[in-house]
Amino acid sequence: MSAIPAPLGAVHRPFSSTPPEDGYGPLVRRAQSEYLEMPGLSLTLDQACRLWALDRETCDRVLQDLVAEGFVTVSERGSYVRRTTA
């Protein structure tokens, strides 16, 4: 499986591999910004881990926080997608 290509002009800034001292908040905000910058972004847990350079446990926690906030939802295929407000 190949990596997700970055948009033209994008600078890949990997997350820290460990959560910051102030918790997961900064990681969650960073993930939100990725979803805002790329409308239609749909990621599996494994894809999100690779895109954000996070270990599986940390990435899962970030995605679960986004789900709890109602910012993303899990599609029928198991991908995390930005929740639409209609």
PDB file of N, CA and C in Angstrom:
ATOM      1  N   MET A   1       0.849  -1.170   0.000  1.00  0.00           N
ATOM      2  CA  MET A   1       0.000   0.000   0.000  1.00  0.00           C
ATOM      3  C   MET A   1       0.898   1.238   0.000  1.00  0.00           C
ATOM      4  N   SER A   2       0.618   2.185  -0.863  1.00  0.00           N
ATOM      5  CA  SER A   2       1.463   3.371  -0.953  1.00  0.00           C
ATOM      6  C   SER A   2       0.982   4.458  -0.001  1.00  0.00           C
ATOM      7  N   ALA A   3       1.879   5.365   0.297  1.00  0.00           N
ATOM      8  CA  ALA A   3       1.560   6.471   1.199  1.00  0.00           C
ATOM      9  C   ALA A   3       0.621   7.447   0.522  1.00  0.00           C
ATOM     10  N   ILE A   4      -0.120   8.172   1.314  1.00  0.00           N
ATOM     11  CA  ILE A   4      -1.025   9.185   0.806  1.00  0.00           C
ATOM     12  C   ILE A   4      -0.183  10.374   0.361  1.00  0.00           C
ATOM     13  N   PRO A   5      -0.334  10.806  -0.901  1.00  0.00           N
ATOM     14  CA  PRO A   5       0.472  11.941  -1.353  1.00  0.00           C
ATOM     15  C   PRO A   5       0.027  13.231  -0.686  1.00  0.00           C
ATOM     16  N   ALA A   6       0.980  14.089  -0.414  1.00  0.00           N
ATOM     17  CA  ALA A   6       0.676  15.396   0.169  1.00  0.00           C
ATOM     18  C   ALA A   6       0.260  16.347  -0.936  1.00  0.00           C
ATOM     19  N   PRO A   7      -0.642  17.287  -0.641  1.00  0.00           N
ATOM     20  CA  PRO A   7      -1.028  18.276  -1.639  1.00  0.00           C
ATOM     21  C   PRO A   7       0.197  19.082  -2.076  1.00  0.00           C
ATOM     22  N   LEU A   8       0.157  19.583  -3.302  1.00  0.00           N
ATOM     23  CA  LEU A   8       1.261  20.395  -3.800  1.00  0.00           C
ATOM     24  C   LEU A   8       1.543  21.547  -2.851  1.00  0.00           C
ATOM     25  N   GLY A   9       2.790  21.766  -2.570  1.00  0.00           N
ATOM     26  CA  GLY A   9       3.193  22.858  -1.690  1.00  0.00           C
ATOM     27  C   GLY A   9       3.077  22.538  -0.209  1.00  0.00           C
ATOM     28  N   ALA A  10       2.551  21.363   0.124  1.00  0.00           N
ATOM     29  CA  ALA A  10       2.385  21.007   1.531  1.00  0.00           C
ATOM     30  C   ALA A  10       3.728  20.629   2.135  1.00  0.00           C
ATOM     31  N   VAL A  11       3.897  20.959   3.377  1.00  0.00           N
ATOM     32  CA  VAL A  11       5.102  20.598   4.112  1.00  0.00           C
ATOM     33  C   VAL A  11       4.702  19.553   5.135  1.00  0.00           C
ATOM     34  N   HIS A  12       5.320  18.382   5.054  1.00  0.00           N
ATOM     35  CA  HIS A  12       4.999  17.323   6.009  1.00  0.00           C
ATOM     36  C   HIS A  12       5.685  17.620   7.329  1.00  0.00           C
ATOM     37  N   ARG A  13       4.868  17.820   8.352  1.00  0.00           N
ATOM     38  CA  ARG A  13       5.382  18.079   9.691  1.00  0.00           C
ATOM     39  C   ARG A  13       4.865  16.965  10.593  1.00  0.00           C
ATOM     40  N   PRO A  14       5.662  15.915  10.807  1.00  0.00           N
ATOM     41  CA  PRO A  14       5.164  14.803  11.608  1.00  0.00           C
ATOM     42  C   PRO A  14       4.878  15.214  13.038  1.00  0.00           C
ATOM     43  N   PHE A  15       3.889  14.551  13.610  1.00  0.00           N
ATOM     44  CA  PHE A  15       3.580  14.743  15.022  1.00  0.00           C
ATOM     45  C   PHE A  15       4.733  14.192  15.842  1.00  0.00           C
ATOM     46  N   SER A  16       4.811  14.626  17.057  1.00  0.00           N
ATOM     47  CA  SER A  16       5.739  14.003  17.987  1.00  0.00           C
ATOM     48  C   SER A  16       5.249  12.575  18.208  1.00  0.00           C
ATOM     49  N   SER A  17       6.154  11.652  18.422  1.00  0.00           N
ATOM     50  CA  SER A  17       5.749  10.262  18.605  1.00  0.00           C
ATOM     51  C   SER A  17       5.153  10.008  19.985  1.00  0.00           C
ATOM     52  N   THR A  18       5.265  10.958  20.870  1.00  0.00           N
ATOM     53  CA  THR A  18       4.667  10.815  22.197  1.00  0.00           C
ATOM     54  C   THR A  18       3.771  12.021  22.468  1.00  0.00           C
ATOM     55  N   PRO A  19       2.698  11.810  23.220  1.00  0.00           N
ATOM     56  CA  PRO A  19       1.822  12.933  23.504  1.00  0.00           C
ATOM     57  C   PRO A  19       2.542  13.997  24.318  1.00  0.00           C
ATOM     58  N   PRO A  20       2.219  15.265  24.085  1.00  0.00           N
ATOM     59  CA  PRO A  20       2.860  16.329  24.842  1.00  0.00           C
ATOM     60  C   PRO A  20       2.437  16.289  26.302  1.00  0.00           C
ATOM     61  N   GLU A  21       3.172  17.004  27.129  1.00  0.00           N
ATOM     62  CA  GLU A  21       2.876  17.030  28.560  1.00  0.00           C
ATOM     63  C   GLU A  21       1.465  17.516  28.855  1.00  0.00           C
ATOM     64  N   ASP A  22       0.947  18.414  28.025  1.00  0.00           N
ATOM     65  CA  ASP A  22      -0.396  18.942  28.276  1.00  0.00           C
ATOM     66  C   ASP A  22      -1.479  18.066  27.656  1.00  0.00           C
ATOM     67  N   GLY A  23      -1.167  16.814  27.349  1.00  0.00           N
ATOM     68  CA  GLY A  23      -2.159  15.872  26.876  1.00  0.00           C
ATOM     69  C   GLY A  23      -2.257  15.790  25.362  1.00  0.00           C
ATOM     70  N   TYR A  24      -3.371  15.271  24.928  1.00  0.00           N
ATOM     71  CA  TYR A  24      -3.575  15.019  23.509  1.00  0.00           C
ATOM     72  C   TYR A  24      -4.169  16.212  22.771  1.00  0.00           C
ATOM     73  N   GLY A  25      -4.538  17.254  23.482  1.00  0.00           N
ATOM     74  CA  GLY A  25      -5.192  18.412  22.861  1.00  0.00           C
ATOM     75  C   GLY A  25      -4.471  18.952  21.636  1.00  0.00           C
ATOM     76  N   PRO A  26      -3.173  19.226  21.717  1.00  0.00           N
ATOM     77  CA  PRO A  26      -2.472  19.736  20.535  1.00  0.00           C
ATOM     78  C   PRO A  26      -2.478  18.759  19.358  1.00  0.00           C
ATOM     79  N   LEU A  27      -2.405  17.464  19.651  1.00  0.00           N
ATOM     80  CA  LEU A  27      -2.459  16.476  18.580  1.00  0.00           C
ATOM     81  C   LEU A  27      -3.833  16.450  17.934  1.00  0.00           C
ATOM     82  N   VAL A  28      -4.867  16.564  18.752  1.00  0.00           N
ATOM     83  CA  VAL A  28      -6.231  16.583  18.237  1.00  0.00           C
ATOM     84  C   VAL A  28      -6.447  17.821  17.361  1.00  0.00           C
ATOM     85  N   ARG A  29      -5.968  18.972  17.814  1.00  0.00           N
ATOM     86  CA  ARG A  29      -6.107  20.217  17.033  1.00  0.00           C
ATOM     87  C   ARG A  29      -5.371  20.110  15.702  1.00  0.00           C
ATOM     88  N   ARG A  30      -4.205  19.497  15.734  1.00  0.00           N
ATOM     89  CA  ARG A  30      -3.432  19.320  14.498  1.00  0.00           C
ATOM     90  C   ARG A  30      -4.178  18.406  13.531  1.00  0.00           C
ATOM     91  N   ALA A  31      -4.747  17.330  14.038  1.00  0.00           N
ATOM     92  CA  ALA A  31      -5.515  16.421  13.188  1.00  0.00           C
ATOM     93  C   ALA A  31      -6.733  17.136  12.616  1.00  0.00           C
ATOM     94  N   GLN A  32      -7.398  17.947  13.437  1.00  0.00           N
ATOM     95  CA  GLN A  32      -8.537  18.731  12.938  1.00  0.00           C
ATOM     96  C   GLN A  32      -8.113  19.624  11.786  1.00  0.00           C
ATOM     97  N   SER A  33      -6.965  20.257  11.914  1.00  0.00           N
ATOM     98  CA  SER A  33      -6.514  21.162  10.863  1.00  0.00           C
ATOM     99  C   SER A  33      -6.264  20.402   9.560  1.00  0.00           C
ATOM    100  N   GLU A  34      -5.799  19.162   9.653  1.00  0.00           N
ATOM    101  CA  GLU A  34      -5.600  18.351   8.450  1.00  0.00           C
ATOM    102  C   GLU A  34      -6.936  18.094   7.759  1.00  0.00           C
ATOM    103  N   TYR A  35      -7.949  17.765   8.541  1.00  0.00           N
ATOM    104  CA  TYR A  35      -9.278  17.538   7.961  1.00  0.00           C
ATOM    105  C   TYR A  35      -9.850  18.823   7.365  1.00  0.00           C
ATOM    106  N   LEU A  36      -9.595  19.956   7.986  1.00  0.00           N
ATOM    107  CA  LEU A  36     -10.087  21.224   7.460  1.00  0.00           C
ATOM    108  C   LEU A  36      -9.358  21.623   6.175  1.00  0.00           C
ATOM    109  N   GLU A  37      -8.060  21.341   6.110  1.00  0.00           N
ATOM    110  CA  GLU A  37      -7.259  21.701   4.943  1.00  0.00           C
ATOM    111  C   GLU A  37      -7.522  20.795   3.749  1.00  0.00           C
ATOM    112  N   MET A  38      -7.984  19.579   4.000  1.00  0.00           N
ATOM    113  CA  MET A  38      -8.210  18.611   2.924  1.00  0.00           C
ATOM    114  C   MET A  38      -9.650  18.097   2.962  1.00  0.00           C
ATOM    115  N   PRO A  39     -10.586  18.872   2.398  1.00  0.00           N
ATOM    116  CA  PRO A  39     -11.980  18.423   2.381  1.00  0.00           C
ATOM    117  C   PRO A  39     -12.088  17.043   1.727  1.00  0.00           C
ATOM    118  N   GLY A  40     -12.905  16.209   2.295  1.00  0.00           N
ATOM    119  CA  GLY A  40     -13.080  14.867   1.758  1.00  0.00           C
ATOM    120  C   GLY A  40     -12.062  13.855   2.272  1.00  0.00           C
ATOM    121  N   LEU A  41     -11.169  14.288   3.178  1.00  0.00           N
ATOM    122  CA  LEU A  41     -10.164  13.379   3.721  1.00  0.00           C
ATOM    123  C   LEU A  41     -10.852  12.209   4.409  1.00  0.00           C
ATOM    124  N   SER A  42     -10.431  11.018   4.065  1.00  0.00           N
ATOM    125  CA  SER A  42     -10.984   9.794   4.627  1.00  0.00           C
ATOM    126  C   SER A  42      -9.805   8.882   4.952  1.00  0.00           C
ATOM    127  N   LEU A  43      -9.613   8.592   6.223  1.00  0.00           N
ATOM    128  CA  LEU A  43      -8.441   7.830   6.659  1.00  0.00           C
ATOM    129  C   LEU A  43      -8.825   6.642   7.514  1.00  0.00           C
ATOM    130  N   THR A  44      -8.186   5.525   7.251  1.00  0.00           N
ATOM    131  CA  THR A  44      -8.268   4.409   8.190  1.00  0.00           C
ATOM    132  C   THR A  44      -7.297   4.717   9.331  1.00  0.00           C
ATOM    133  N   LEU A  45      -7.370   3.944  10.372  1.00  0.00           N
ATOM    134  CA  LEU A  45      -6.440   4.134  11.491  1.00  0.00           C
ATOM    135  C   LEU A  45      -5.002   3.989  11.012  1.00  0.00           C
ATOM    136  N   ASP A  46      -4.725   2.967  10.214  1.00  0.00           N
ATOM    137  CA  ASP A  46      -3.355   2.756   9.735  1.00  0.00           C
ATOM    138  C   ASP A  46      -2.875   3.911   8.860  1.00  0.00           C
ATOM    139  N   GLN A  47      -3.747   4.425   8.000  1.00  0.00           N
ATOM    140  CA  GLN A  47      -3.371   5.563   7.155  1.00  0.00           C
ATOM    141  C   GLN A  47      -3.090   6.801   8.000  1.00  0.00           C
ATOM    142  N   ALA A  48      -3.924   7.042   9.001  1.00  0.00           N
ATOM    143  CA  ALA A  48      -3.720   8.193   9.890  1.00  0.00           C
ATOM    144  C   ALA A  48      -2.395   8.058  10.639  1.00  0.00           C
ATOM    145  N   CYS A  49      -2.070   6.859  11.088  1.00  0.00           N
ATOM    146  CA  CYS A  49      -0.789   6.628  11.780  1.00  0.00           C
ATOM    147  C   CYS A  49       0.377   7.010  10.876  1.00  0.00           C
ATOM    148  N   ARG A  50       0.314   6.602   9.608  1.00  0.00           N
ATOM    149  CA  ARG A  50       1.403   6.919   8.683  1.00  0.00           C
ATOM    150  C   ARG A  50       1.434   8.405   8.346  1.00  0.00           C
ATOM    151  N   LEU A  51       0.275   8.991   8.078  1.00  0.00           N
ATOM    152  CA  LEU A  51       0.217  10.404   7.699  1.00  0.00           C
ATOM    153  C   LEU A  51       0.761  11.295   8.803  1.00  0.00           C
ATOM    154  N   TRP A  52       0.401  10.992  10.042  1.00  0.00           N
ATOM    155  CA  TRP A  52       0.778  11.846  11.162  1.00  0.00           C
ATOM    156  C   TRP A  52       1.985  11.333  11.932  1.00  0.00           C
ATOM    157  N   ALA A  53       2.573  10.244  11.469  1.00  0.00           N
ATOM    158  CA  ALA A  53       3.755   9.657  12.110  1.00  0.00           C
ATOM    159  C   ALA A  53       3.528   9.412  13.606  1.00  0.00           C
ATOM    160  N   LEU A  54       2.384   8.807  13.914  1.00  0.00           N
ATOM    161  CA  LEU A  54       2.038   8.485  15.296  1.00  0.00           C
ATOM    162  C   LEU A  54       1.995   6.984  15.482  1.00  0.00           C
ATOM    163  N   ASP A  55       2.298   6.535  16.693  1.00  0.00           N
ATOM    164  CA  ASP A  55       2.111   5.125  16.997  1.00  0.00           C
ATOM    165  C   ASP A  55       0.610   4.852  17.037  1.00  0.00           C
ATOM    166  N   ARG A  56       0.254   3.599  16.880  1.00  0.00           N
ATOM    167  CA  ARG A  56      -1.156   3.198  16.757  1.00  0.00           C
ATOM    168  C   ARG A  56      -1.996   3.623  17.970  1.00  0.00           C
ATOM    169  N   GLU A  57      -1.477   3.434  19.166  1.00  0.00           N
ATOM    170  CA  GLU A  57      -2.230   3.771  20.380  1.00  0.00           C
ATOM    171  C   GLU A  57      -2.517   5.278  20.466  1.00  0.00           C
ATOM    172  N   THR A  58      -1.502   6.091  20.205  1.00  0.00           N
ATOM    173  CA  THR A  58      -1.681   7.543  20.259  1.00  0.00           C
ATOM    174  C   THR A  58      -2.642   8.003  19.174  1.00  0.00           C
ATOM    175  N   CYS A  59      -2.467   7.479  17.968  1.00  0.00           N
ATOM    176  CA  CYS A  59      -3.329   7.873  16.852  1.00  0.00           C
ATOM    177  C   CYS A  59      -4.782   7.486  17.122  1.00  0.00           C
ATOM    178  N   ASP A  60      -4.985   6.295  17.650  1.00  0.00           N
ATOM    179  CA  ASP A  60      -6.342   5.859  17.974  1.00  0.00           C
ATOM    180  C   ASP A  60      -6.967   6.799  19.003  1.00  0.00           C
ATOM    181  N   ARG A  61      -6.196   7.207  19.979  1.00  0.00           N
ATOM    182  CA  ARG A  61      -6.707   8.129  21.003  1.00  0.00           C
ATOM    183  C   ARG A  61      -7.095   9.473  20.378  1.00  0.00           C
ATOM    184  N   VAL A  62      -6.263   9.987  19.472  1.00  0.00           N
ATOM    185  CA  VAL A  62      -6.556  11.248  18.792  1.00  0.00           C
ATOM    186  C   VAL A  62      -7.851  11.113  17.992  1.00  0.00           C
ATOM    187  N   LEU A  63      -7.966  10.038  17.225  1.00  0.00           N
ATOM    188  CA  LEU A  63      -9.175   9.850  16.409  1.00  0.00           C
ATOM    189  C   LEU A  63     -10.409   9.670  17.286  1.00  0.00           C
ATOM    190  N   GLN A  64     -10.280   8.948  18.383  1.00  0.00           N
ATOM    191  CA  GLN A  64     -11.418   8.767  19.288  1.00  0.00           C
ATOM    192  C   GLN A  64     -11.834  10.093  19.925  1.00  0.00           C
ATOM    193  N   ASP A  65     -10.872  10.943  20.224  1.00  0.00           N
ATOM    194  CA  ASP A  65     -11.201  12.278  20.741  1.00  0.00           C
ATOM    195  C   ASP A  65     -11.977  13.084  19.695  1.00  0.00           C
ATOM    196  N   LEU A  66     -11.574  12.975  18.420  1.00  0.00           N
ATOM    197  CA  LEU A  66     -12.287  13.678  17.351  1.00  0.00           C
ATOM    198  C   LEU A  66     -13.705  13.140  17.184  1.00  0.00           C
ATOM    199  N   VAL A  67     -13.864  11.837  17.340  1.00  0.00           N
ATOM    200  CA  VAL A  67     -15.206  11.235  17.268  1.00  0.00           C
ATOM    201  C   VAL A  67     -16.049  11.732  18.436  1.00  0.00           C
ATOM    202  N   ALA A  68     -15.480  11.740  19.637  1.00  0.00           N
ATOM    203  CA  ALA A  68     -16.209  12.183  20.832  1.00  0.00           C
ATOM    204  C   ALA A  68     -16.641  13.637  20.712  1.00  0.00           C
ATOM    205  N   GLU A  69     -15.813  14.462  20.054  1.00  0.00           N
ATOM    206  CA  GLU A  69     -16.160  15.868  19.842  1.00  0.00           C
ATOM    207  C   GLU A  69     -17.200  16.048  18.738  1.00  0.00           C
ATOM    208  N   GLY A  70     -17.456  14.986  17.985  1.00  0.00           N
ATOM    209  CA  GLY A  70     -18.395  15.089  16.872  1.00  0.00           C
ATOM    210  C   GLY A  70     -17.776  15.715  15.632  1.00  0.00           C
ATOM    211  N   PHE A  71     -16.456  15.823  15.599  1.00  0.00           N
ATOM    212  CA  PHE A  71     -15.772  16.433  14.459  1.00  0.00           C
ATOM    213  C   PHE A  71     -15.623  15.442  13.311  1.00  0.00           C
ATOM    214  N   VAL A  72     -15.331  14.181  13.632  1.00  0.00           N
ATOM    215  CA  VAL A  72     -15.273  13.134  12.618  1.00  0.00           C
ATOM    216  C   VAL A  72     -16.227  12.020  13.002  1.00  0.00           C
ATOM    217  N   THR A  73     -16.525  11.201  12.035  1.00  0.00           N
ATOM    218  CA  THR A  73     -17.351  10.025  12.257  1.00  0.00           C
ATOM    219  C   THR A  73     -16.677   8.859  11.560  1.00  0.00           C
ATOM    220  N   VAL A  74     -17.087   7.657  11.912  1.00  0.00           N
ATOM    221  CA  VAL A  74     -16.527   6.469  11.280  1.00  0.00           C
ATOM    222  C   VAL A  74     -17.494   6.017  10.195  1.00  0.00           C
ATOM    223  N   SER A  75     -16.982   5.908   8.972  1.00  0.00           N
ATOM    224  CA  SER A  75     -17.818   5.501   7.844  1.00  0.00           C
ATOM    225  C   SER A  75     -18.137   4.014   7.936  1.00  0.00           C
ATOM    226  N   GLU A  76     -19.025   3.561   7.060  1.00  0.00           N
ATOM    227  CA  GLU A  76     -19.379   2.148   7.014  1.00  0.00           C
ATOM    228  C   GLU A  76     -18.168   1.278   6.697  1.00  0.00           C
ATOM    229  N   ARG A  77     -17.192   1.856   6.012  1.00  0.00           N
ATOM    230  CA  ARG A  77     -15.979   1.118   5.645  1.00  0.00           C
ATOM    231  C   ARG A  77     -14.895   1.192   6.723  1.00  0.00           C
ATOM    232  N   GLY A  78     -15.168   1.899   7.813  1.00  0.00           N
ATOM    233  CA  GLY A  78     -14.214   1.991   8.904  1.00  0.00           C
ATOM    234  C   GLY A  78     -13.228   3.132   8.785  1.00  0.00           C
ATOM    235  N   SER A  79     -13.459   4.048   7.861  1.00  0.00           N
ATOM    236  CA  SER A  79     -12.585   5.215   7.702  1.00  0.00           C
ATOM    237  C   SER A  79     -13.112   6.369   8.538  1.00  0.00           C
ATOM    238  N   TYR A  80     -12.196   7.191   8.976  1.00  0.00           N
ATOM    239  CA  TYR A  80     -12.557   8.384   9.738  1.00  0.00           C
ATOM    240  C   TYR A  80     -12.706   9.538   8.756  1.00  0.00           C
ATOM    241  N   VAL A  81     -13.905  10.140   8.736  1.00  0.00           N
ATOM    242  CA  VAL A  81     -14.214  11.228   7.816  1.00  0.00           C
ATOM    243  C   VAL A  81     -14.791  12.380   8.603  1.00  0.00           C
ATOM    244  N   ARG A  82     -14.587  13.578   8.077  1.00  0.00           N
ATOM    245  CA  ARG A  82     -15.129  14.764   8.737  1.00  0.00           C
ATOM    246  C   ARG A  82     -16.654  14.696   8.707  1.00  0.00           C
ATOM    247  N   ARG A  83     -17.234  14.974   9.825  1.00  0.00           N
ATOM    248  CA  ARG A  83     -18.693  14.932   9.947  1.00  0.00           C
ATOM    249  C   ARG A  83     -19.282  16.139   9.230  1.00  0.00           C
ATOM    250  N   THR A  84     -20.286  15.895   8.436  1.00  0.00           N
ATOM    251  CA  THR A  84     -20.939  16.991   7.721  1.00  0.00           C
ATOM    252  C   THR A  84     -22.084  17.517   8.577  1.00  0.00           C
ATOM    253  N   THR A  85     -22.260  18.804   8.519  1.00  0.00           N
ATOM    254  CA  THR A  85     -23.375  19.420   9.243  1.00  0.00           C
ATOM    255  C   THR A  85     -24.405  19.838   8.213  1.00  0.00           C
ATOM    256  N   ALA A  86     -25.497  19.121   8.207  1.00  0.00           N
ATOM    257  CA  ALA A  86     -26.558  19.407   7.237  1.00  0.00           C
ATOM    258  C   ALA A  86     -27.860  19.663   7.924  1.00  0.00           C
TER     259      ALA A  86
END
